Amino acid sequence: MIPELTNDTFERAVTSTDLPVLVFFTSPTCAHCHRMEPYVEGLAAQTQGRAVVVKVNAMANAKTARAVGAMQLPTFLLLHRGEEFARYQGDRFPATVLGQALASRIGQ
């Protein structure tokens, strides 16, 4: 199960760790998001203790989604020490790209 952030918990969660953070912006009505979720859950398990993987329901937390520009779903925002280092939107990229991008920051 991927921890879910809200408008109230987002900022602190992504800035209070030295680990890279993958934020998965999703919604209950997004078919592409549902297709990506098993991969994201697997990535969370593979990187446990070396990276943080969280999700945000963009519909319920529109303030956060707007603030980071997550207007297309799914959006994958990769942060390290609070700074964005990669972003992927939609489902038109190989899912392995997320793992490679996250791995590039593990251990830094």
PDB file of N, CA and C in Angstrom:
ATOM      1  N   MET A   1       0.836  -1.180   0.000  1.00  0.00           N
ATOM      2  CA  MET A   1       0.000   0.000   0.000  1.00  0.00           C
ATOM      3  C   MET A   1       0.884   1.248   0.000  1.00  0.00           C
ATOM      4  N   ILE A   2       0.632   2.133  -0.929  1.00  0.00           N
ATOM      5  CA  ILE A   2       1.409   3.365  -1.051  1.00  0.00           C
ATOM      6  C   ILE A   2       0.785   4.424  -0.136  1.00  0.00           C
ATOM      7  N   PRO A   3       1.579   5.055   0.730  1.00  0.00           N
ATOM      8  CA  PRO A   3       1.023   6.109   1.589  1.00  0.00           C
ATOM      9  C   PRO A   3       0.437   7.242   0.749  1.00  0.00           C
ATOM     10  N   GLU A   4      -0.682   7.785   1.208  1.00  0.00           N
ATOM     11  CA  GLU A   4      -1.344   8.863   0.478  1.00  0.00           C
ATOM     12  C   GLU A   4      -1.175  10.185   1.223  1.00  0.00           C
ATOM     13  N   LEU A   5      -0.732  11.199   0.483  1.00  0.00           N
ATOM     14  CA  LEU A   5      -0.560  12.539   1.050  1.00  0.00           C
ATOM     15  C   LEU A   5      -1.780  13.389   0.739  1.00  0.00           C
ATOM     16  N   THR A   6      -1.942  14.447   1.530  1.00  0.00           N
ATOM     17  CA  THR A   6      -3.040  15.397   1.347  1.00  0.00           C
ATOM     18  C   THR A   6      -2.453  16.796   1.191  1.00  0.00           C
ATOM     19  N   ASN A   7      -3.343  17.755   0.965  1.00  0.00           N
ATOM     20  CA  ASN A   7      -2.903  19.154   0.906  1.00  0.00           C
ATOM     21  C   ASN A   7      -2.140  19.529   2.181  1.00  0.00           C
ATOM     22  N   ASP A   8      -2.573  19.005   3.315  1.00  0.00           N
ATOM     23  CA  ASP A   8      -1.966  19.357   4.601  1.00  0.00           C
ATOM     24  C   ASP A   8      -0.642  18.651   4.863  1.00  0.00           C
ATOM     25  N   THR A   9      -0.409  17.506   4.231  1.00  0.00           N
ATOM     26  CA  THR A   9       0.801  16.733   4.543  1.00  0.00           C
ATOM     27  C   THR A   9       1.849  16.742   3.436  1.00  0.00           C
ATOM     28  N   PHE A  10       1.501  17.218   2.264  1.00  0.00           N
ATOM     29  CA  PHE A  10       2.392  17.124   1.105  1.00  0.00           C
ATOM     30  C   PHE A  10       3.739  17.811   1.329  1.00  0.00           C
ATOM     31  N   GLU A  11       3.727  19.083   1.617  1.00  0.00           N
ATOM     32  CA  GLU A  11       4.970  19.867   1.694  1.00  0.00           C
ATOM     33  C   GLU A  11       5.955  19.272   2.693  1.00  0.00           C
ATOM     34  N   ARG A  12       5.483  18.963   3.865  1.00  0.00           N
ATOM     35  CA  ARG A  12       6.375  18.421   4.894  1.00  0.00           C
ATOM     36  C   ARG A  12       6.919  17.057   4.483  1.00  0.00           C
ATOM     37  N   ALA A  13       6.072  16.228   3.906  1.00  0.00           N
ATOM     38  CA  ALA A  13       6.497  14.878   3.540  1.00  0.00           C
ATOM     39  C   ALA A  13       7.586  14.879   2.475  1.00  0.00           C
ATOM     40  N   VAL A  14       7.514  15.784   1.519  1.00  0.00           N
ATOM     41  CA  VAL A  14       8.491  15.759   0.422  1.00  0.00           C
ATOM     42  C   VAL A  14       9.755  16.552   0.729  1.00  0.00           C
ATOM     43  N   THR A  15       9.739  17.350   1.790  1.00  0.00           N
ATOM     44  CA  THR A  15      10.929  18.138   2.125  1.00  0.00           C
ATOM     45  C   THR A  15      11.632  17.665   3.393  1.00  0.00           C
ATOM     46  N   SER A  16      11.021  16.743   4.134  1.00  0.00           N
ATOM     47  CA  SER A  16      11.597  16.349   5.427  1.00  0.00           C
ATOM     48  C   SER A  16      12.462  15.092   5.337  1.00  0.00           C
ATOM     49  N   THR A  17      12.844  14.693   4.151  1.00  0.00           N
ATOM     50  CA  THR A  17      13.674  13.503   3.985  1.00  0.00           C
ATOM     51  C   THR A  17      14.847  13.793   3.049  1.00  0.00           C
ATOM     52  N   ASP A  18      15.949  13.109   3.287  1.00  0.00           N
ATOM     53  CA  ASP A  18      17.088  13.202   2.380  1.00  0.00           C
ATOM     54  C   ASP A  18      16.984  12.176   1.254  1.00  0.00           C
ATOM     55  N   LEU A  19      15.987  11.307   1.334  1.00  0.00           N
ATOM     56  CA  LEU A  19      15.792  10.289   0.302  1.00  0.00           C
ATOM     57  C   LEU A  19      15.072  10.880  -0.901  1.00  0.00           C
ATOM     58  N   PRO A  20      15.293  10.334  -2.092  1.00  0.00           N
ATOM     59  CA  PRO A  20      14.508  10.760  -3.248  1.00  0.00           C
ATOM     60  C   PRO A  20      13.043  10.376  -3.028  1.00  0.00           C
ATOM     61  N   VAL A  21      12.144  11.193  -3.565  1.00  0.00           N
ATOM     62  CA  VAL A  21      10.710  10.987  -3.382  1.00  0.00           C
ATOM     63  C   VAL A  21      10.033  10.915  -4.747  1.00  0.00           C
ATOM     64  N   LEU A  22       9.242   9.869  -4.950  1.00  0.00           N
ATOM     65  CA  LEU A  22       8.398   9.746  -6.132  1.00  0.00           C
ATOM     66  C   LEU A  22       6.969  10.007  -5.692  1.00  0.00           C
ATOM     67  N   VAL A  23       6.353  11.044  -6.276  1.00  0.00           N
ATOM     68  CA  VAL A  23       4.961  11.372  -5.972  1.00  0.00           C
ATOM     69  C   VAL A  23       4.116  10.982  -7.177  1.00  0.00           C
ATOM     70  N   PHE A  24       3.149  10.137  -6.946  1.00  0.00           N
ATOM     71  CA  PHE A  24       2.244   9.614  -7.967  1.00  0.00           C
ATOM     72  C   PHE A  24       0.909  10.345  -7.819  1.00  0.00           C
ATOM     73  N   PHE A  25       0.643  11.288  -8.737  1.00  0.00           N
ATOM     74  CA  PHE A  25      -0.631  12.007  -8.734  1.00  0.00           C
ATOM     75  C   PHE A  25      -1.634  11.176  -9.517  1.00  0.00           C
ATOM     76  N   THR A  26      -2.739  10.837  -8.892  1.00  0.00           N
ATOM     77  CA  THR A  26      -3.708   9.915  -9.437  1.00  0.00           C
ATOM     78  C   THR A  26      -5.118  10.401  -9.113  1.00  0.00           C
ATOM     79  N   SER A  27      -6.102   9.661  -9.541  1.00  0.00           N
ATOM     80  CA  SER A  27      -7.485   9.912  -9.129  1.00  0.00           C
ATOM     81  C   SER A  27      -8.272   8.618  -9.276  1.00  0.00           C
ATOM     82  N   PRO A  28      -9.344   8.490  -8.533  1.00  0.00           N
ATOM     83  CA  PRO A  28     -10.145   7.269  -8.601  1.00  0.00           C
ATOM     84  C   PRO A  28     -10.758   7.017  -9.981  1.00  0.00           C
ATOM     85  N   THR A  29     -10.893   8.045 -10.798  1.00  0.00           N
ATOM     86  CA  THR A  29     -11.539   7.902 -12.104  1.00  0.00           C
ATOM     87  C   THR A  29     -10.547   7.787 -13.260  1.00  0.00           C
ATOM     88  N   CYS A  30      -9.274   7.724 -12.974  1.00  0.00           N
ATOM     89  CA  CYS A  30      -8.229   7.712 -14.007  1.00  0.00           C
ATOM     90  C   CYS A  30      -7.827   6.279 -14.355  1.00  0.00           C
ATOM     91  N   ALA A  31      -8.237   5.819 -15.526  1.00  0.00           N
ATOM     92  CA  ALA A  31      -7.922   4.448 -15.956  1.00  0.00           C
ATOM     93  C   ALA A  31      -6.415   4.244 -16.126  1.00  0.00           C
ATOM     94  N   HIS A  32      -5.720   5.230 -16.690  1.00  0.00           N
ATOM     95  CA  HIS A  32      -4.265   5.119 -16.861  1.00  0.00           C
ATOM     96  C   HIS A  32      -3.584   4.992 -15.500  1.00  0.00           C
ATOM     97  N   CYS A  33      -4.087   5.729 -14.520  1.00  0.00           N
ATOM     98  CA  CYS A  33      -3.523   5.672 -13.167  1.00  0.00           C
ATOM     99  C   CYS A  33      -3.665   4.264 -12.594  1.00  0.00           C
ATOM    100  N   HIS A  34      -4.834   3.681 -12.778  1.00  0.00           N
ATOM    101  CA  HIS A  34      -5.068   2.332 -12.253  1.00  0.00           C
ATOM    102  C   HIS A  34      -4.135   1.316 -12.901  1.00  0.00           C
ATOM    103  N   ARG A  35      -3.841   1.504 -14.176  1.00  0.00           N
ATOM    104  CA  ARG A  35      -2.916   0.595 -14.858  1.00  0.00           C
ATOM    105  C   ARG A  35      -1.483   0.745 -14.335  1.00  0.00           C
ATOM    106  N   MET A  36      -1.111   1.941 -13.930  1.00  0.00           N
ATOM    107  CA  MET A  36       0.249   2.191 -13.448  1.00  0.00           C
ATOM    108  C   MET A  36       0.441   1.817 -11.977  1.00  0.00           C
ATOM    109  N   GLU A  37      -0.642   1.765 -11.226  1.00  0.00           N
ATOM    110  CA  GLU A  37      -0.527   1.565  -9.775  1.00  0.00           C
ATOM    111  C   GLU A  37       0.238   0.296  -9.375  1.00  0.00           C
ATOM    112  N   PRO A  38       0.007  -0.855  -9.999  1.00  0.00           N
ATOM    113  CA  PRO A  38       0.793  -2.039  -9.591  1.00  0.00           C
ATOM    114  C   PRO A  38       2.300  -1.842  -9.789  1.00  0.00           C
ATOM    115  N   TYR A  39       2.678  -1.163 -10.865  1.00  0.00           N
ATOM    116  CA  TYR A  39       4.100  -0.904 -11.087  1.00  0.00           C
ATOM    117  C   TYR A  39       4.654   0.013 -10.002  1.00  0.00           C
ATOM    118  N   VAL A  40       3.905   1.049  -9.658  1.00  0.00           N
ATOM    119  CA  VAL A  40       4.362   1.991  -8.631  1.00  0.00           C
ATOM    120  C   VAL A  40       4.464   1.280  -7.285  1.00  0.00           C
ATOM    121  N   GLU A  41       3.517   0.409  -6.982  1.00  0.00           N
ATOM    122  CA  GLU A  41       3.590  -0.360  -5.732  1.00  0.00           C
ATOM    123  C   GLU A  41       4.829  -1.261  -5.717  1.00  0.00           C
ATOM    124  N   GLY A  42       5.142  -1.874  -6.848  1.00  0.00           N
ATOM    125  CA  GLY A  42       6.342  -2.690  -6.942  1.00  0.00           C
ATOM    126  C   GLY A  42       7.607  -1.869  -6.764  1.00  0.00           C
ATOM    127  N   LEU A  43       7.618  -0.692  -7.351  1.00  0.00           N
ATOM    128  CA  LEU A  43       8.765   0.207  -7.218  1.00  0.00           C
ATOM    129  C   LEU A  43       8.942   0.628  -5.758  1.00  0.00           C
ATOM    130  N   ALA A  44       7.836   0.887  -5.078  1.00  0.00           N
ATOM    131  CA  ALA A  44       7.899   1.247  -3.650  1.00  0.00           C
ATOM    132  C   ALA A  44       8.525   0.110  -2.844  1.00  0.00           C
ATOM    133  N   ALA A  45       8.132  -1.114  -3.138  1.00  0.00           N
ATOM    134  CA  ALA A  45       8.686  -2.262  -2.420  1.00  0.00           C
ATOM    135  C   ALA A  45      10.177  -2.439  -2.727  1.00  0.00           C
ATOM    136  N   GLN A  46      10.567  -2.263  -3.974  1.00  0.00           N
ATOM    137  CA  GLN A  46      11.967  -2.441  -4.384  1.00  0.00           C
ATOM    138  C   GLN A  46      12.891  -1.394  -3.782  1.00  0.00           C
ATOM    139  N   THR A  47      12.380  -0.198  -3.558  1.00  0.00           N
ATOM    140  CA  THR A  47      13.232   0.906  -3.101  1.00  0.00           C
ATOM    141  C   THR A  47      13.010   1.253  -1.626  1.00  0.00           C
ATOM    142  N   GLN A  48      12.259   0.415  -0.918  1.00  0.00           N
ATOM    143  CA  GLN A  48      11.957   0.685   0.492  1.00  0.00           C
ATOM    144  C   GLN A  48      13.246   0.925   1.280  1.00  0.00           C
ATOM    145  N   GLY A  49      13.259   2.014   2.038  1.00  0.00           N
ATOM    146  CA  GLY A  49      14.430   2.377   2.829  1.00  0.00           C
ATOM    147  C   GLY A  49      15.469   3.170   2.057  1.00  0.00           C
ATOM    148  N   ARG A  50      15.332   3.218   0.718  1.00  0.00           N
ATOM    149  CA  ARG A  50      16.279   3.964  -0.116  1.00  0.00           C
ATOM    150  C   ARG A  50      15.614   5.104  -0.862  1.00  0.00           C
ATOM    151  N   ALA A  51      14.278   5.077  -0.915  1.00  0.00           N
ATOM    152  CA  ALA A  51      13.486   6.128  -1.562  1.00  0.00           C
ATOM    153  C   ALA A  51      12.106   6.125  -0.926  1.00  0.00           C
ATOM    154  N   VAL A  52      11.394   7.203  -1.127  1.00  0.00           N
ATOM    155  CA  VAL A  52      10.036   7.334  -0.602  1.00  0.00           C
ATOM    156  C   VAL A  52       9.090   7.394  -1.792  1.00  0.00           C
ATOM    157  N   VAL A  53       8.064   6.559  -1.775  1.00  0.00           N
ATOM    158  CA  VAL A  53       7.056   6.557  -2.827  1.00  0.00           C
ATOM    159  C   VAL A  53       5.710   6.848  -2.173  1.00  0.00           C
ATOM    160  N   VAL A  54       5.054   7.906  -2.659  1.00  0.00           N
ATOM    161  CA  VAL A  54       3.769   8.321  -2.105  1.00  0.00           C
ATOM    162  C   VAL A  54       2.817   8.649  -3.243  1.00  0.00           C
ATOM    163  N   LYS A  55       1.529   8.769  -2.918  1.00  0.00           N
ATOM    164  CA  LYS A  55       0.573   9.177  -3.941  1.00  0.00           C
ATOM    165  C   LYS A  55      -0.294  10.290  -3.411  1.00  0.00           C
ATOM    166  N   VAL A  56      -0.866  11.037  -4.352  1.00  0.00           N
ATOM    167  CA  VAL A  56      -1.775  12.138  -4.037  1.00  0.00           C
ATOM    168  C   VAL A  56      -2.999  11.980  -4.924  1.00  0.00           C
ATOM    169  N   ASN A  57      -4.170  11.954  -4.313  1.00  0.00           N
ATOM    170  CA  ASN A  57      -5.419  11.972  -5.070  1.00  0.00           C
ATOM    171  C   ASN A  57      -5.598  13.405  -5.555  1.00  0.00           C
ATOM    172  N   ALA A  58      -5.358  13.629  -6.837  1.00  0.00           N
ATOM    173  CA  ALA A  58      -5.378  14.989  -7.386  1.00  0.00           C
ATOM    174  C   ALA A  58      -6.764  15.628  -7.336  1.00  0.00           C
ATOM    175  N   MET A  59      -7.809  14.805  -7.374  1.00  0.00           N
ATOM    176  CA  MET A  59      -9.159  15.365  -7.302  1.00  0.00           C
ATOM    177  C   MET A  59      -9.458  15.870  -5.894  1.00  0.00           C
ATOM    178  N   ALA A  60      -9.114  15.106  -4.896  1.00  0.00           N
ATOM    179  CA  ALA A  60      -9.390  15.480  -3.505  1.00  0.00           C
ATOM    180  C   ALA A  60      -8.401  16.514  -2.990  1.00  0.00           C
ATOM    181  N   ASN A  61      -7.253  16.639  -3.644  1.00  0.00           N
ATOM    182  CA  ASN A  61      -6.202  17.558  -3.207  1.00  0.00           C
ATOM    183  C   ASN A  61      -5.782  18.454  -4.363  1.00  0.00           C
ATOM    184  N   ALA A  62      -6.770  19.094  -4.947  1.00  0.00           N
ATOM    185  CA  ALA A  62      -6.555  19.928  -6.133  1.00  0.00           C
ATOM    186  C   ALA A  62      -5.589  21.079  -5.867  1.00  0.00           C
ATOM    187  N   LYS A  63      -5.577  21.591  -4.677  1.00  0.00           N
ATOM    188  CA  LYS A  63      -4.658  22.694  -4.342  1.00  0.00           C
ATOM    189  C   LYS A  63      -3.205  22.267  -4.551  1.00  0.00           C
ATOM    190  N   THR A  64      -2.863  21.095  -4.066  1.00  0.00           N
ATOM    191  CA  THR A  64      -1.500  20.586  -4.230  1.00  0.00           C
ATOM    192  C   THR A  64      -1.211  20.274  -5.685  1.00  0.00           C
ATOM    193  N   ALA A  65      -2.155  19.621  -6.355  1.00  0.00           N
ATOM    194  CA  ALA A  65      -1.961  19.280  -7.765  1.00  0.00           C
ATOM    195  C   ALA A  65      -1.723  20.537  -8.599  1.00  0.00           C
ATOM    196  N   ARG A  66      -2.504  21.567  -8.367  1.00  0.00           N
ATOM    197  CA  ARG A  66      -2.317  22.835  -9.100  1.00  0.00           C
ATOM    198  C   ARG A  66      -0.971  23.460  -8.771  1.00  0.00           C
ATOM    199  N   ALA A  67      -0.593  23.446  -7.505  1.00  0.00           N
ATOM    200  CA  ALA A  67       0.653  24.089  -7.063  1.00  0.00           C
ATOM    201  C   ALA A  67       1.876  23.492  -7.745  1.00  0.00           C
ATOM    202  N   VAL A  68       1.842  22.204  -8.035  1.00  0.00           N
ATOM    203  CA  VAL A  68       2.999  21.558  -8.673  1.00  0.00           C
ATOM    204  C   VAL A  68       2.784  21.337 -10.161  1.00  0.00           C
ATOM    205  N   GLY A  69       1.646  21.755 -10.683  1.00  0.00           N
ATOM    206  CA  GLY A  69       1.382  21.643 -12.111  1.00  0.00           C
ATOM    207  C   GLY A  69       1.004  20.245 -12.569  1.00  0.00           C
ATOM    208  N   ALA A  70       0.397  19.476 -11.682  1.00  0.00           N
ATOM    209  CA  ALA A  70      -0.035  18.118 -12.032  1.00  0.00           C
ATOM    210  C   ALA A  70      -1.453  18.175 -12.595  1.00  0.00           C
ATOM    211  N   MET A  71      -1.570  18.686 -13.811  1.00  0.00           N
ATOM    212  CA  MET A  71      -2.883  18.872 -14.416  1.00  0.00           C
ATOM    213  C   MET A  71      -3.291  17.704 -15.300  1.00  0.00           C
ATOM    214  N   GLN A  72      -2.342  16.891 -15.710  1.00  0.00           N
ATOM    215  CA  GLN A  72      -2.621  15.700 -16.503  1.00  0.00           C
ATOM    216  C   GLN A  72      -2.347  14.493 -15.620  1.00  0.00           C
ATOM    217  N   LEU A  73      -3.210  13.497 -15.675  1.00  0.00           N
ATOM    218  CA  LEU A  73      -3.028  12.322 -14.842  1.00  0.00           C
ATOM    219  C   LEU A  73      -2.780  11.098 -15.710  1.00  0.00           C
ATOM    220  N   PRO A  74      -1.944  10.210 -15.248  1.00  0.00           N
ATOM    221  CA  PRO A  74      -1.143  10.355 -14.040  1.00  0.00           C
ATOM    222  C   PRO A  74       0.029  11.305 -14.256  1.00  0.00           C
ATOM    223  N   THR A  75       0.461  11.921 -13.176  1.00  0.00           N
ATOM    224  CA  THR A  75       1.696  12.701 -13.164  1.00  0.00           C
ATOM    225  C   THR A  75       2.608  12.076 -12.130  1.00  0.00           C
ATOM    226  N   PHE A  76       3.858  11.911 -12.495  1.00  0.00           N
ATOM    227  CA  PHE A  76       4.875  11.387 -11.594  1.00  0.00           C
ATOM    228  C   PHE A  76       5.904  12.482 -11.385  1.00  0.00           C
ATOM    229  N   LEU A  77       6.008  12.933 -10.167  1.00  0.00           N
ATOM    230  CA  LEU A  77       6.925  13.998  -9.802  1.00  0.00           C
ATOM    231  C   LEU A  77       8.035  13.367  -8.975  1.00  0.00           C
ATOM    232  N   LEU A  78       9.276  13.573  -9.385  1.00  0.00           N
ATOM    233  CA  LEU A  78      10.412  13.037  -8.642  1.00  0.00           C
ATOM    234  C   LEU A  78      11.169  14.191  -8.011  1.00  0.00           C
ATOM    235  N   LEU A  79      11.344  14.111  -6.705  1.00  0.00           N
ATOM    236  CA  LEU A  79      11.969  15.165  -5.922  1.00  0.00           C
ATOM    237  C   LEU A  79      13.139  14.601  -5.125  1.00  0.00           C
ATOM    238  N   HIS A  80      14.120  15.444  -4.895  1.00  0.00           N
ATOM    239  CA  HIS A  80      15.231  15.085  -4.015  1.00  0.00           C
ATOM    240  C   HIS A  80      15.585  16.315  -3.203  1.00  0.00           C
ATOM    241  N   ARG A  81      15.487  16.154  -1.890  1.00  0.00           N
ATOM    242  CA  ARG A  81      15.695  17.278  -0.963  1.00  0.00           C
ATOM    243  C   ARG A  81      14.776  18.451  -1.308  1.00  0.00           C
ATOM    244  N   GLY A  82      13.551  18.113  -1.719  1.00  0.00           N
ATOM    245  CA  GLY A  82      12.530  19.119  -2.001  1.00  0.00           C
ATOM    246  C   GLY A  82      12.589  19.723  -3.390  1.00  0.00           C
ATOM    247  N   GLU A  83      13.605  19.368  -4.177  1.00  0.00           N
ATOM    248  CA  GLU A  83      13.762  19.930  -5.513  1.00  0.00           C
ATOM    249  C   GLU A  83      13.352  18.909  -6.574  1.00  0.00           C
ATOM    250  N   GLU A  84      12.575  19.347  -7.545  1.00  0.00           N
ATOM    251  CA  GLU A  84      12.162  18.468  -8.632  1.00  0.00           C
ATOM    252  C   GLU A  84      13.355  18.134  -9.523  1.00  0.00           C
ATOM    253  N   PHE A  85      13.546  16.845  -9.820  1.00  0.00           N
ATOM    254  CA  PHE A  85      14.597  16.464 -10.761  1.00  0.00           C
ATOM    255  C   PHE A  85      14.051  15.728 -11.977  1.00  0.00           C
ATOM    256  N   ALA A  86      12.799  15.342 -11.954  1.00  0.00           N
ATOM    257  CA  ALA A  86      12.183  14.719 -13.129  1.00  0.00           C
ATOM    258  C   ALA A  86      10.671  14.757 -12.981  1.00  0.00           C
ATOM    259  N   ARG A  87      10.002  14.706 -14.135  1.00  0.00           N
ATOM    260  CA  ARG A  87       8.542  14.705 -14.171  1.00  0.00           C
ATOM    261  C   ARG A  87       8.105  13.927 -15.410  1.00  0.00           C
ATOM    262  N   TYR A  88       7.126  13.092 -15.206  1.00  0.00           N
ATOM    263  CA  TYR A  88       6.548  12.326 -16.310  1.00  0.00           C
ATOM    264  C   TYR A  88       5.037  12.451 -16.200  1.00  0.00           C
ATOM    265  N   GLN A  89       4.382  12.684 -17.334  1.00  0.00           N
ATOM    266  CA  GLN A  89       2.936  12.831 -17.335  1.00  0.00           C
ATOM    267  C   GLN A  89       2.326  11.880 -18.347  1.00  0.00           C
ATOM    268  N   GLY A  90       1.167  11.370 -17.999  1.00  0.00           N
ATOM    269  CA  GLY A  90       0.472  10.457 -18.884  1.00  0.00           C
ATOM    270  C   GLY A  90       1.052   9.059 -18.773  1.00  0.00           C
ATOM    271  N   ASP A  91       0.691   8.215 -19.711  1.00  0.00           N
ATOM    272  CA  ASP A  91       1.171   6.832 -19.673  1.00  0.00           C
ATOM    273  C   ASP A  91       1.921   6.474 -20.946  1.00  0.00           C
ATOM    274  N   ARG A  92       2.461   7.474 -21.627  1.00  0.00           N
ATOM    275  CA  ARG A  92       3.127   7.237 -22.911  1.00  0.00           C
ATOM    276  C   ARG A  92       4.647   7.161 -22.779  1.00  0.00           C
ATOM    277  N   PHE A  93       5.100   6.566 -21.704  1.00  0.00           N
ATOM    278  CA  PHE A  93       6.522   6.332 -21.518  1.00  0.00           C
ATOM    279  C   PHE A  93       6.662   4.960 -20.874  1.00  0.00           C
ATOM    280  N   PRO A  94       7.768   4.300 -21.082  1.00  0.00           N
ATOM    281  CA  PRO A  94       7.938   2.992 -20.449  1.00  0.00           C
ATOM    282  C   PRO A  94       7.977   3.139 -18.929  1.00  0.00           C
ATOM    283  N   ALA A  95       7.272   2.284 -18.236  1.00  0.00           N
ATOM    284  CA  ALA A  95       7.220   2.363 -16.770  1.00  0.00           C
ATOM    285  C   ALA A  95       8.605   2.251 -16.156  1.00  0.00           C
ATOM    286  N   THR A  96       9.529   1.575 -16.837  1.00  0.00           N
ATOM    287  CA  THR A  96      10.882   1.421 -16.302  1.00  0.00           C
ATOM    288  C   THR A  96      11.609   2.754 -16.185  1.00  0.00           C
ATOM    289  N   VAL A  97      11.171   3.761 -16.926  1.00  0.00           N
ATOM    290  CA  VAL A  97      11.786   5.088 -16.847  1.00  0.00           C
ATOM    291  C   VAL A  97      11.683   5.623 -15.420  1.00  0.00           C
ATOM    292  N   LEU A  98      10.566   5.400 -14.755  1.00  0.00           N
ATOM    293  CA  LEU A  98      10.410   5.868 -13.370  1.00  0.00           C
ATOM    294  C   LEU A  98      11.461   5.237 -12.473  1.00  0.00           C
ATOM    295  N   GLY A  99      11.624   3.942 -12.582  1.00  0.00           N
ATOM    296  CA  GLY A  99      12.621   3.251 -11.764  1.00  0.00           C
ATOM    297  C   GLY A  99      14.028   3.737 -12.033  1.00  0.00           C
ATOM    298  N   GLN A 100      14.350   3.959 -13.289  1.00  0.00           N
ATOM    299  CA  GLN A 100      15.678   4.452 -13.650  1.00  0.00           C
ATOM    300  C   GLN A 100      15.910   5.857 -13.106  1.00  0.00           C
ATOM    301  N   ALA A 101      14.908   6.719 -13.203  1.00  0.00           N
ATOM    302  CA  ALA A 101      15.039   8.084 -12.706  1.00  0.00           C
ATOM    303  C   ALA A 101      15.200   8.094 -11.203  1.00  0.00           C
ATOM    304  N   LEU A 102      14.425   7.274 -10.510  1.00  0.00           N
ATOM    305  CA  LEU A 102      14.529   7.205  -9.055  1.00  0.00           C
ATOM    306  C   LEU A 102      15.877   6.624  -8.659  1.00  0.00           C
ATOM    307  N   ALA A 103      16.310   5.582  -9.318  1.00  0.00           N
ATOM    308  CA  ALA A 103      17.591   4.958  -9.013  1.00  0.00           C
ATOM    309  C   ALA A 103      18.768   5.915  -9.199  1.00  0.00           C
ATOM    310  N   SER A 104      18.616   6.863 -10.116  1.00  0.00           N
ATOM    311  CA  SER A 104      19.703   7.811 -10.374  1.00  0.00           C
ATOM    312  C   SER A 104      19.996   8.691  -9.163  1.00  0.00           C
ATOM    313  N   ARG A 105      19.041   8.797  -8.237  1.00  0.00           N
ATOM    314  CA  ARG A 105      19.235   9.647  -7.063  1.00  0.00           C
ATOM    315  C   ARG A 105      19.438   8.862  -5.768  1.00  0.00           C
ATOM    316  N   ILE A 106      19.228   7.564  -5.796  1.00  0.00           N
ATOM    317  CA  ILE A 106      19.405   6.764  -4.585  1.00  0.00           C
ATOM    318  C   ILE A 106      20.887   6.766  -4.241  1.00  0.00           C
ATOM    319  N   GLY A 107      21.169   7.062  -2.989  1.00  0.00           N
ATOM    320  CA  GLY A 107      22.541   7.072  -2.521  1.00  0.00           C
ATOM    321  C   GLY A 107      23.251   8.391  -2.688  1.00  0.00           C
ATOM    322  N   GLN A 108      22.571   9.403  -3.186  1.00  0.00           N
ATOM    323  CA  GLN A 108      23.219  10.718  -3.352  1.00  0.00           C
ATOM    324  C   GLN A 108      22.974  11.575  -2.130  1.00  0.00           C
TER     325      GLN A 108
END
